[in-house]
Amino acid sequence: MFEYNRPVFVKLEAEPENQHDKNAIAVYIMSTNECYEKVGYIANELTKYLHESLKVNALDITVCTTFMLVGYYMTIHISKKGVWDDAVIKASHKIK
C-alpha cells in the first residue's frame, strides 16, 4: 500500500459458518492483483449492530492507512444513513 500509494478498497462479508463466532464479519482488502484478501475481522462487540445494514448494502466504508516502522495500521470508518444507536456508540468506544 505504501509503495504504490494507491487507494485501499475494502469489503465486509458476514461469515455465519465461522466455527468460532457465527456473527463474525470478515474484512477484505483488494490486493495488487485486484483480488480481495482477508485481513481480519470486525470486533465482535460491534458485529451485532452491522449485520442488518450489511444485508442491504446500507454501510459506507472508508479506510485510513498509516505506515509506521513496525508495519501498516488500518482504521476502518463505518457509517450509515441515519443516526447510530447509542449502544453502538458506547460499544465502539471500548474497541482499541
N, C-alpha and C. Protein backbone atom coordinates (compact mmCIF):
# COMPACT_ATOMS: atom_id res chain seq x y z
N MET A 1 0.82 -1.20 0.00
CA MET A 1 0.00 0.00 0.00
C MET A 1 0.86 1.25 0.00
N PHE A 2 1.90 1.26 0.82
CA PHE A 2 2.77 2.43 0.90
C PHE A 2 3.56 2.60 -0.38
N GLU A 3 4.11 1.51 -0.88
CA GLU A 3 4.97 1.56 -2.06
C GLU A 3 4.23 2.07 -3.29
N TYR A 4 2.99 1.64 -3.46
CA TYR A 4 2.24 2.02 -4.64
C TYR A 4 1.40 3.28 -4.45
N ASN A 5 1.27 3.74 -3.20
CA ASN A 5 0.50 4.94 -2.89
C ASN A 5 -0.86 4.91 -3.59
N ARG A 6 -1.59 3.85 -3.39
CA ARG A 6 -2.86 3.67 -4.06
C ARG A 6 -3.99 3.64 -3.03
N PRO A 7 -5.21 3.91 -3.48
CA PRO A 7 -6.34 3.81 -2.54
C PRO A 7 -6.53 2.35 -2.11
N VAL A 8 -7.12 2.18 -0.96
CA VAL A 8 -7.38 0.85 -0.43
C VAL A 8 -8.87 0.58 -0.54
N PHE A 9 -9.22 -0.50 -1.22
CA PHE A 9 -10.62 -0.89 -1.36
C PHE A 9 -10.91 -2.00 -0.38
N VAL A 10 -12.02 -1.85 0.34
CA VAL A 10 -12.37 -2.78 1.41
C VAL A 10 -13.78 -3.30 1.19
N LYS A 11 -13.99 -4.55 1.59
CA LYS A 11 -15.36 -5.07 1.64
C LYS A 11 -15.51 -5.87 2.92
N LEU A 12 -16.72 -5.87 3.44
CA LEU A 12 -17.06 -6.64 4.63
C LEU A 12 -17.94 -7.79 4.21
N GLU A 13 -17.75 -8.94 4.84
CA GLU A 13 -18.53 -10.11 4.47
C GLU A 13 -18.86 -10.91 5.71
N ALA A 14 -20.16 -11.17 5.91
CA ALA A 14 -20.60 -11.97 7.05
C ALA A 14 -20.11 -13.41 6.87
N GLU A 15 -19.79 -14.06 7.98
CA GLU A 15 -19.34 -15.46 7.96
C GLU A 15 -20.18 -16.28 8.95
N PRO A 16 -21.44 -16.55 8.60
CA PRO A 16 -22.29 -17.31 9.53
C PRO A 16 -21.78 -18.73 9.78
N GLU A 17 -20.94 -19.25 8.89
CA GLU A 17 -20.39 -20.60 9.06
C GLU A 17 -19.10 -20.62 9.87
N ASN A 18 -18.65 -19.47 10.35
CA ASN A 18 -17.41 -19.38 11.12
C ASN A 18 -17.56 -20.22 12.39
N GLN A 19 -16.66 -21.17 12.59
CA GLN A 19 -16.79 -22.10 13.72
C GLN A 19 -16.52 -21.46 15.08
N HIS A 20 -15.86 -20.31 15.10
CA HIS A 20 -15.56 -19.64 16.36
C HIS A 20 -16.59 -18.59 16.75
N ASP A 21 -17.24 -17.98 15.74
CA ASP A 21 -18.21 -16.92 16.01
C ASP A 21 -19.19 -16.83 14.83
N LYS A 22 -20.44 -17.27 15.05
CA LYS A 22 -21.42 -17.28 13.95
C LYS A 22 -21.81 -15.87 13.52
N ASN A 23 -21.46 -14.86 14.31
CA ASN A 23 -21.75 -13.46 13.96
C ASN A 23 -20.55 -12.75 13.34
N ALA A 24 -19.49 -13.50 13.03
CA ALA A 24 -18.26 -12.90 12.52
C ALA A 24 -18.49 -12.15 11.21
N ILE A 25 -17.79 -11.01 11.09
CA ILE A 25 -17.77 -10.24 9.85
C ILE A 25 -16.31 -10.05 9.48
N ALA A 26 -15.94 -10.64 8.34
CA ALA A 26 -14.55 -10.58 7.87
C ALA A 26 -14.30 -9.28 7.11
N VAL A 27 -13.06 -8.81 7.18
CA VAL A 27 -12.62 -7.62 6.46
C VAL A 27 -11.68 -8.07 5.36
N TYR A 28 -11.97 -7.67 4.13
CA TYR A 28 -11.14 -7.99 2.98
C TYR A 28 -10.61 -6.70 2.37
N ILE A 29 -9.36 -6.71 1.92
CA ILE A 29 -8.83 -5.57 1.16
C ILE A 29 -8.40 -6.07 -0.21
N MET A 30 -8.47 -5.17 -1.18
CA MET A 30 -8.06 -5.54 -2.54
C MET A 30 -6.55 -5.51 -2.61
N SER A 31 -5.97 -6.62 -3.07
CA SER A 31 -4.52 -6.70 -3.20
C SER A 31 -4.09 -6.12 -4.54
N THR A 32 -2.80 -6.15 -4.79
CA THR A 32 -2.27 -5.57 -6.02
C THR A 32 -2.74 -6.29 -7.26
N ASN A 33 -3.16 -7.55 -7.16
CA ASN A 33 -3.65 -8.27 -8.33
C ASN A 33 -5.18 -8.16 -8.46
N GLU A 34 -5.76 -7.20 -7.78
CA GLU A 34 -7.19 -6.88 -7.82
C GLU A 34 -8.08 -8.00 -7.30
N CYS A 35 -7.54 -8.85 -6.46
CA CYS A 35 -8.33 -9.86 -5.76
C CYS A 35 -8.44 -9.41 -4.30
N TYR A 36 -9.55 -9.73 -3.67
CA TYR A 36 -9.72 -9.38 -2.27
C TYR A 36 -9.12 -10.47 -1.39
N GLU A 37 -8.40 -10.05 -0.36
CA GLU A 37 -7.78 -10.97 0.58
C GLU A 37 -8.22 -10.62 1.99
N LYS A 38 -8.54 -11.65 2.77
CA LYS A 38 -9.00 -11.44 4.15
C LYS A 38 -7.83 -10.96 5.01
N VAL A 39 -8.06 -9.87 5.75
CA VAL A 39 -7.01 -9.33 6.62
C VAL A 39 -7.40 -9.34 8.09
N GLY A 40 -8.64 -9.68 8.39
CA GLY A 40 -9.05 -9.71 9.78
C GLY A 40 -10.56 -9.69 9.93
N TYR A 41 -10.99 -9.31 11.12
CA TYR A 41 -12.41 -9.32 11.45
C TYR A 41 -12.81 -8.05 12.17
N ILE A 42 -14.07 -7.68 12.04
CA ILE A 42 -14.64 -6.59 12.84
C ILE A 42 -14.72 -7.09 14.28
N ALA A 43 -14.45 -6.23 15.24
CA ALA A 43 -14.52 -6.62 16.65
C ALA A 43 -15.92 -7.16 16.97
N ASN A 44 -15.97 -8.29 17.68
CA ASN A 44 -17.26 -8.95 17.91
C ASN A 44 -18.23 -8.11 18.73
N GLU A 45 -17.73 -7.10 19.43
CA GLU A 45 -18.63 -6.21 20.17
C GLU A 45 -19.49 -5.37 19.23
N LEU A 46 -19.06 -5.23 17.97
CA LEU A 46 -19.77 -4.37 17.02
C LEU A 46 -20.54 -5.14 15.95
N THR A 47 -20.26 -6.41 15.77
CA THR A 47 -20.88 -7.13 14.65
C THR A 47 -22.40 -7.18 14.73
N LYS A 48 -22.96 -7.31 15.92
CA LYS A 48 -24.41 -7.42 16.01
C LYS A 48 -25.12 -6.16 15.50
N TYR A 49 -24.43 -5.04 15.49
CA TYR A 49 -25.02 -3.79 15.01
C TYR A 49 -24.88 -3.63 13.49
N LEU A 50 -23.99 -4.39 12.88
CA LEU A 50 -23.70 -4.21 11.46
C LEU A 50 -24.43 -5.18 10.54
N HIS A 51 -24.85 -6.32 11.05
CA HIS A 51 -25.41 -7.36 10.19
C HIS A 51 -26.60 -6.89 9.35
N GLU A 52 -27.56 -6.23 9.94
CA GLU A 52 -28.75 -5.82 9.19
C GLU A 52 -28.39 -4.83 8.09
N SER A 53 -27.56 -3.85 8.40
CA SER A 53 -27.15 -2.87 7.40
C SER A 53 -26.28 -3.51 6.32
N LEU A 54 -25.51 -4.51 6.68
CA LEU A 54 -24.66 -5.21 5.72
C LEU A 54 -25.50 -5.96 4.69
N LYS A 55 -26.62 -6.53 5.13
CA LYS A 55 -27.50 -7.28 4.24
C LYS A 55 -28.08 -6.41 3.13
N VAL A 56 -28.33 -5.15 3.41
CA VAL A 56 -28.98 -4.27 2.43
C VAL A 56 -28.01 -3.24 1.85
N ASN A 57 -26.72 -3.47 2.01
CA ASN A 57 -25.69 -2.55 1.49
C ASN A 57 -25.92 -1.11 1.93
N ALA A 58 -26.23 -0.90 3.19
CA ALA A 58 -26.51 0.43 3.70
C ALA A 58 -25.33 1.05 4.44
N LEU A 59 -24.16 0.45 4.30
CA LEU A 59 -23.00 0.96 5.00
C LEU A 59 -22.06 1.68 4.04
N ASP A 60 -21.45 2.73 4.54
CA ASP A 60 -20.42 3.45 3.79
C ASP A 60 -19.12 3.18 4.52
N ILE A 61 -18.15 2.62 3.83
CA ILE A 61 -16.90 2.20 4.46
C ILE A 61 -15.74 2.96 3.85
N THR A 62 -14.95 3.60 4.70
CA THR A 62 -13.73 4.25 4.25
C THR A 62 -12.58 3.73 5.10
N VAL A 63 -11.39 3.81 4.55
CA VAL A 63 -10.22 3.25 5.21
C VAL A 63 -9.14 4.30 5.30
N CYS A 64 -8.48 4.33 6.44
CA CYS A 64 -7.32 5.19 6.62
C CYS A 64 -6.15 4.28 6.95
N THR A 65 -5.09 4.33 6.15
CA THR A 65 -3.92 3.51 6.43
C THR A 65 -2.78 4.38 6.93
N THR A 66 -2.01 3.83 7.84
CA THR A 66 -0.87 4.52 8.40
C THR A 66 0.33 3.58 8.37
N PHE A 67 1.43 4.06 7.86
CA PHE A 67 2.64 3.26 7.86
C PHE A 67 3.52 3.71 9.01
N MET A 68 3.94 2.76 9.83
CA MET A 68 4.88 3.03 10.91
C MET A 68 6.04 2.08 10.72
N LEU A 69 7.11 2.28 11.42
CA LEU A 69 8.29 1.44 11.25
C LEU A 69 8.02 -0.03 11.50
N VAL A 70 7.03 -0.33 12.30
CA VAL A 70 6.72 -1.74 12.60
C VAL A 70 5.68 -2.33 11.65
N GLY A 71 5.14 -1.54 10.74
CA GLY A 71 4.18 -2.08 9.77
C GLY A 71 3.04 -1.13 9.50
N TYR A 72 2.04 -1.66 8.83
CA TYR A 72 0.85 -0.87 8.47
C TYR A 72 -0.23 -1.02 9.53
N TYR A 73 -0.96 0.05 9.70
CA TYR A 73 -2.14 0.03 10.55
C TYR A 73 -3.29 0.55 9.72
N MET A 74 -4.44 -0.06 9.89
CA MET A 74 -5.60 0.30 9.09
C MET A 74 -6.76 0.62 10.03
N THR A 75 -7.34 1.78 9.84
CA THR A 75 -8.53 2.17 10.58
C THR A 75 -9.70 2.15 9.61
N ILE A 76 -10.76 1.48 9.99
CA ILE A 76 -11.93 1.39 9.13
C ILE A 76 -13.03 2.26 9.75
N HIS A 77 -13.54 3.19 8.96
CA HIS A 77 -14.64 4.04 9.40
C HIS A 77 -15.90 3.53 8.73
N ILE A 78 -16.88 3.15 9.54
CA ILE A 78 -18.12 2.62 9.01
C ILE A 78 -19.25 3.57 9.40
N SER A 79 -19.98 4.03 8.40
CA SER A 79 -21.13 4.90 8.69
C SER A 79 -22.32 4.38 7.92
N LYS A 80 -23.48 4.89 8.26
CA LYS A 80 -24.71 4.51 7.59
C LYS A 80 -25.62 5.72 7.56
N LYS A 81 -26.67 5.63 6.77
CA LYS A 81 -27.65 6.72 6.77
C LYS A 81 -28.38 6.70 8.09
N GLY A 82 -28.66 7.88 8.60
CA GLY A 82 -29.34 7.97 9.89
C GLY A 82 -28.35 8.01 11.04
N VAL A 83 -28.85 7.91 12.22
CA VAL A 83 -28.04 8.03 13.43
C VAL A 83 -27.80 6.64 14.02
N TRP A 84 -26.57 6.40 14.43
CA TRP A 84 -26.27 5.14 15.10
C TRP A 84 -26.98 5.12 16.45
N ASP A 85 -27.39 3.96 16.86
CA ASP A 85 -27.99 3.76 18.17
C ASP A 85 -26.95 4.06 19.25
N ASP A 86 -27.39 4.55 20.39
CA ASP A 86 -26.45 4.87 21.49
C ASP A 86 -25.61 3.66 21.90
N ALA A 87 -26.19 2.47 21.83
CA ALA A 87 -25.45 1.26 22.21
C ALA A 87 -24.27 1.02 21.28
N VAL A 88 -24.41 1.35 20.00
CA VAL A 88 -23.31 1.18 19.04
C VAL A 88 -22.18 2.14 19.39
N ILE A 89 -22.52 3.35 19.67
CA ILE A 89 -21.50 4.36 20.01
C ILE A 89 -20.76 3.95 21.28
N LYS A 90 -21.50 3.50 22.28
CA LYS A 90 -20.90 3.08 23.53
C LYS A 90 -19.97 1.88 23.31
N ALA A 91 -20.41 0.91 22.50
CA ALA A 91 -19.59 -0.28 22.23
C ALA A 91 -18.34 0.09 21.44
N SER A 92 -18.45 1.04 20.53
CA SER A 92 -17.28 1.40 19.71
C SER A 92 -16.19 2.07 20.52
N HIS A 93 -16.55 2.74 21.60
CA HIS A 93 -15.54 3.41 22.43
C HIS A 93 -14.70 2.41 23.21
N LYS A 94 -15.18 1.18 23.34
CA LYS A 94 -14.45 0.15 24.08
C LYS A 94 -13.43 -0.58 23.22
N ILE A 95 -13.53 -0.40 21.89
CA ILE A 95 -12.65 -1.11 20.97
C ILE A 95 -11.34 -0.35 20.81
N LYS A 96 -10.24 -1.09 20.82
CA LYS A 96 -8.92 -0.45 20.65
C LYS A 96 -8.26 -1.01 19.43
